[in-house]
Amino acid sequence: MVHQDPYTSDRSYYECRDCGSRATAERTPAACPDCGGRVRNIGVPRE
């Protein structure tokens, strides 16, 4: 049986793959505001 987490965030959490800086945003940032690196959404499960 598969269980789903009922939690739904109202914001997305992003982390820079280069410098590790974290931020929240309503839309996916084009780049890290600190170093210009690529960001990924860390508010989603990774399995």
PDB file of N, CA and C in Angstrom:
ATOM      1  N   MET A   1       0.838  -1.184   0.000  1.00  0.00           N
ATOM      2  CA  MET A   1       0.000   0.000   0.000  1.00  0.00           C
ATOM      3  C   MET A   1       0.881   1.244   0.000  1.00  0.00           C
ATOM      4  N   VAL A   2       0.560   2.191  -0.846  1.00  0.00           N
ATOM      5  CA  VAL A   2       1.332   3.420  -0.966  1.00  0.00           C
ATOM      6  C   VAL A   2       0.666   4.505  -0.121  1.00  0.00           C
ATOM      7  N   HIS A   3       1.473   5.193   0.683  1.00  0.00           N
ATOM      8  CA  HIS A   3       0.956   6.283   1.499  1.00  0.00           C
ATOM      9  C   HIS A   3       1.473   7.599   0.962  1.00  0.00           C
ATOM     10  N   GLN A   4       0.609   8.602   0.945  1.00  0.00           N
ATOM     11  CA  GLN A   4       1.015   9.924   0.521  1.00  0.00           C
ATOM     12  C   GLN A   4       1.057  10.843   1.728  1.00  0.00           C
ATOM     13  N   ASP A   5       2.015  11.741   1.723  1.00  0.00           N
ATOM     14  CA  ASP A   5       2.120  12.742   2.768  1.00  0.00           C
ATOM     15  C   ASP A   5       1.059  13.804   2.511  1.00  0.00           C
ATOM     16  N   PRO A   6       0.177  14.071   3.468  1.00  0.00           N
ATOM     17  CA  PRO A   6      -0.882  15.051   3.244  1.00  0.00           C
ATOM     18  C   PRO A   6      -0.405  16.505   3.279  1.00  0.00           C
ATOM     19  N   TYR A   7       0.851  16.737   3.667  1.00  0.00           N
ATOM     20  CA  TYR A   7       1.382  18.096   3.773  1.00  0.00           C
ATOM     21  C   TYR A   7       1.564  18.709   2.393  1.00  0.00           C
ATOM     22  N   THR A   8       1.063  19.905   2.225  1.00  0.00           N
ATOM     23  CA  THR A   8       1.253  20.655   0.990  1.00  0.00           C
ATOM     24  C   THR A   8       1.768  22.031   1.366  1.00  0.00           C
ATOM     25  N   SER A   9       2.926  22.373   0.892  1.00  0.00           N
ATOM     26  CA  SER A   9       3.539  23.651   1.209  1.00  0.00           C
ATOM     27  C   SER A   9       2.937  24.757   0.355  1.00  0.00           C
ATOM     28  N   ASP A  10       2.822  25.949   0.935  1.00  0.00           N
ATOM     29  CA  ASP A  10       2.329  27.076   0.153  1.00  0.00           C
ATOM     30  C   ASP A  10       3.473  27.820  -0.534  1.00  0.00           C
ATOM     31  N   ARG A  11       4.696  27.431  -0.239  1.00  0.00           N
ATOM     32  CA  ARG A  11       5.889  28.006  -0.867  1.00  0.00           C
ATOM     33  C   ARG A  11       6.788  26.877  -1.336  1.00  0.00           C
ATOM     34  N   SER A  12       7.643  27.210  -2.276  1.00  0.00           N
ATOM     35  CA  SER A  12       8.643  26.246  -2.728  1.00  0.00           C
ATOM     36  C   SER A  12       9.984  26.633  -2.137  1.00  0.00           C
ATOM     37  N   TYR A  13      10.725  25.643  -1.723  1.00  0.00           N
ATOM     38  CA  TYR A  13      12.038  25.866  -1.124  1.00  0.00           C
ATOM     39  C   TYR A  13      13.104  25.446  -2.124  1.00  0.00           C
ATOM     40  N   TYR A  14      14.045  26.325  -2.358  1.00  0.00           N
ATOM     41  CA  TYR A  14      15.083  26.089  -3.348  1.00  0.00           C
ATOM     42  C   TYR A  14      16.462  26.132  -2.717  1.00  0.00           C
ATOM     43  N   GLU A  15      17.358  25.297  -3.243  1.00  0.00           N
ATOM     44  CA  GLU A  15      18.743  25.255  -2.777  1.00  0.00           C
ATOM     45  C   GLU A  15      19.666  25.354  -3.986  1.00  0.00           C
ATOM     46  N   CYS A  16      20.717  26.158  -3.840  1.00  0.00           N
ATOM     47  CA  CYS A  16      21.700  26.294  -4.904  1.00  0.00           C
ATOM     48  C   CYS A  16      22.579  25.052  -4.923  1.00  0.00           C
ATOM     49  N   ARG A  17      22.784  24.486  -6.090  1.00  0.00           N
ATOM     50  CA  ARG A  17      23.635  23.302  -6.222  1.00  0.00           C
ATOM     51  C   ARG A  17      25.114  23.637  -6.088  1.00  0.00           C
ATOM     52  N   ASP A  18      25.459  24.913  -6.271  1.00  0.00           N
ATOM     53  CA  ASP A  18      26.864  25.309  -6.213  1.00  0.00           C
ATOM     54  C   ASP A  18      27.297  25.767  -4.819  1.00  0.00           C
ATOM     55  N   CYS A  19      26.564  26.728  -4.227  1.00  0.00           N
ATOM     56  CA  CYS A  19      27.012  27.294  -2.949  1.00  0.00           C
ATOM     57  C   CYS A  19      26.210  26.810  -1.743  1.00  0.00           C
ATOM     58  N   GLY A  20      25.050  26.143  -1.975  1.00  0.00           N
ATOM     59  CA  GLY A  20      24.259  25.614  -0.876  1.00  0.00           C
ATOM     60  C   GLY A  20      23.298  26.622  -0.252  1.00  0.00           C
ATOM     61  N   SER A  21      23.234  27.828  -0.776  1.00  0.00           N
ATOM     62  CA  SER A  21      22.320  28.843  -0.277  1.00  0.00           C
ATOM     63  C   SER A  21      20.889  28.373  -0.470  1.00  0.00           C
ATOM     64  N   ARG A  22      20.002  28.695   0.497  1.00  0.00           N
ATOM     65  CA  ARG A  22      18.600  28.291   0.406  1.00  0.00           C
ATOM     66  C   ARG A  22      17.702  29.510   0.428  1.00  0.00           C
ATOM     67  N   ALA A  23      16.561  29.395  -0.267  1.00  0.00           N
ATOM     68  CA  ALA A  23      15.607  30.490  -0.329  1.00  0.00           C
ATOM     69  C   ALA A  23      14.217  29.939  -0.605  1.00  0.00           C
ATOM     70  N   THR A  24      13.198  30.740  -0.317  1.00  0.00           N
ATOM     71  CA  THR A  24      11.829  30.393  -0.675  1.00  0.00           C
ATOM     72  C   THR A  24      11.380  31.328  -1.788  1.00  0.00           C
ATOM     73  N   ALA A  25      10.491  30.824  -2.629  1.00  0.00           N
ATOM     74  CA  ALA A  25       9.996  31.638  -3.733  1.00  0.00           C
ATOM     75  C   ALA A  25       8.685  31.055  -4.235  1.00  0.00           C
ATOM     76  N   GLU A  26       7.858  31.905  -4.811  1.00  0.00           N
ATOM     77  CA  GLU A  26       6.606  31.438  -5.406  1.00  0.00           C
ATOM     78  C   GLU A  26       6.845  30.828  -6.775  1.00  0.00           C
ATOM     79  N   ARG A  27       7.891  31.304  -7.465  1.00  0.00           N
ATOM     80  CA  ARG A  27       8.264  30.775  -8.785  1.00  0.00           C
ATOM     81  C   ARG A  27       9.712  30.300  -8.741  1.00  0.00           C
ATOM     82  N   THR A  28      10.034  29.384  -9.628  1.00  0.00           N
ATOM     83  CA  THR A  28      11.401  28.869  -9.693  1.00  0.00           C
ATOM     84  C   THR A  28      12.362  29.986 -10.088  1.00  0.00           C
ATOM     85  N   PRO A  29      13.358  30.272  -9.250  1.00  0.00           N
ATOM     86  CA  PRO A  29      14.337  31.299  -9.618  1.00  0.00           C
ATOM     87  C   PRO A  29      15.169  30.855 -10.814  1.00  0.00           C
ATOM     88  N   ALA A  30      15.543  31.796 -11.656  1.00  0.00           N
ATOM     89  CA  ALA A  30      16.363  31.481 -12.828  1.00  0.00           C
ATOM     90  C   ALA A  30      17.765  31.070 -12.394  1.00  0.00           C
ATOM     91  N   ALA A  31      18.252  31.662 -11.294  1.00  0.00           N
ATOM     92  CA  ALA A  31      19.598  31.374 -10.796  1.00  0.00           C
ATOM     93  C   ALA A  31      19.668  31.754  -9.320  1.00  0.00           C
ATOM     94  N   CYS A  32      20.684  31.273  -8.652  1.00  0.00           N
ATOM     95  CA  CYS A  32      20.919  31.595  -7.243  1.00  0.00           C
ATOM     96  C   CYS A  32      21.178  33.096  -7.103  1.00  0.00           C
ATOM     97  N   PRO A  33      20.494  33.752  -6.163  1.00  0.00           N
ATOM     98  CA  PRO A  33      20.716  35.181  -5.980  1.00  0.00           C
ATOM     99  C   PRO A  33      22.093  35.508  -5.396  1.00  0.00           C
ATOM    100  N   ASP A  34      22.752  34.518  -4.777  1.00  0.00           N
ATOM    101  CA  ASP A  34      24.061  34.753  -4.163  1.00  0.00           C
ATOM    102  C   ASP A  34      25.225  34.552  -5.128  1.00  0.00           C
ATOM    103  N   CYS A  35      25.167  33.450  -5.904  1.00  0.00           N
ATOM    104  CA  CYS A  35      26.332  33.142  -6.750  1.00  0.00           C
ATOM    105  C   CYS A  35      25.996  32.966  -8.229  1.00  0.00           C
ATOM    106  N   GLY A  36      24.704  32.943  -8.584  1.00  0.00           N
ATOM    107  CA  GLY A  36      24.320  32.769  -9.980  1.00  0.00           C
ATOM    108  C   GLY A  36      24.266  31.317 -10.421  1.00  0.00           C
ATOM    109  N   GLY A  37      24.440  30.374  -9.487  1.00  0.00           N
ATOM    110  CA  GLY A  37      24.446  28.953  -9.815  1.00  0.00           C
ATOM    111  C   GLY A  37      23.051  28.392 -10.041  1.00  0.00           C
ATOM    112  N   ARG A  38      22.989  27.110 -10.425  1.00  0.00           N
ATOM    113  CA  ARG A  38      21.714  26.423 -10.656  1.00  0.00           C
ATOM    114  C   ARG A  38      21.042  26.123  -9.325  1.00  0.00           C
ATOM    115  N   VAL A  39      19.699  26.189  -9.310  1.00  0.00           N
ATOM    116  CA  VAL A  39      18.940  25.897  -8.105  1.00  0.00           C
ATOM    117  C   VAL A  39      18.047  24.686  -8.346  1.00  0.00           C
ATOM    118  N   ARG A  40      17.660  24.020  -7.258  1.00  0.00           N
ATOM    119  CA  ARG A  40      16.724  22.907  -7.346  1.00  0.00           C
ATOM    120  C   ARG A  40      15.690  23.060  -6.253  1.00  0.00           C
ATOM    121  N   ASN A  41      14.508  22.547  -6.511  1.00  0.00           N
ATOM    122  CA  ASN A  41      13.407  22.597  -5.552  1.00  0.00           C
ATOM    123  C   ASN A  41      13.634  21.486  -4.526  1.00  0.00           C
ATOM    124  N   ILE A  42      13.824  21.867  -3.263  1.00  0.00           N
ATOM    125  CA  ILE A  42      14.052  20.869  -2.222  1.00  0.00           C
ATOM    126  C   ILE A  42      12.785  20.628  -1.409  1.00  0.00           C
ATOM    127  N   GLY A  43      11.667  21.240  -1.814  1.00  0.00           N
ATOM    128  CA  GLY A  43      10.404  21.051  -1.130  1.00  0.00           C
ATOM    129  C   GLY A  43       9.601  19.881  -1.665  1.00  0.00           C
ATOM    130  N   VAL A  44      10.206  19.051  -2.494  1.00  0.00           N
ATOM    131  CA  VAL A  44       9.529  17.883  -3.050  1.00  0.00           C
ATOM    132  C   VAL A  44      10.267  16.620  -2.609  1.00  0.00           C
ATOM    133  N   PRO A  45       9.558  15.524  -2.420  1.00  0.00           N
ATOM    134  CA  PRO A  45      10.215  14.285  -1.996  1.00  0.00           C
ATOM    135  C   PRO A  45      11.143  13.739  -3.077  1.00  0.00           C
ATOM    136  N   ARG A  46      12.223  13.165  -2.655  1.00  0.00           N
ATOM    137  CA  ARG A  46      13.198  12.521  -3.567  1.00  0.00           C
ATOM    138  C   ARG A  46      13.288  11.045  -3.165  1.00  0.00           C
ATOM    139  N   GLU A  47      12.802  10.170  -4.020  1.00  0.00           N
ATOM    140  CA  GLU A  47      12.851   8.744  -3.713  1.00  0.00           C
ATOM    141  C   GLU A  47      13.512   7.985  -4.813  1.00  0.00           C
TER     142      GLU A  47
END
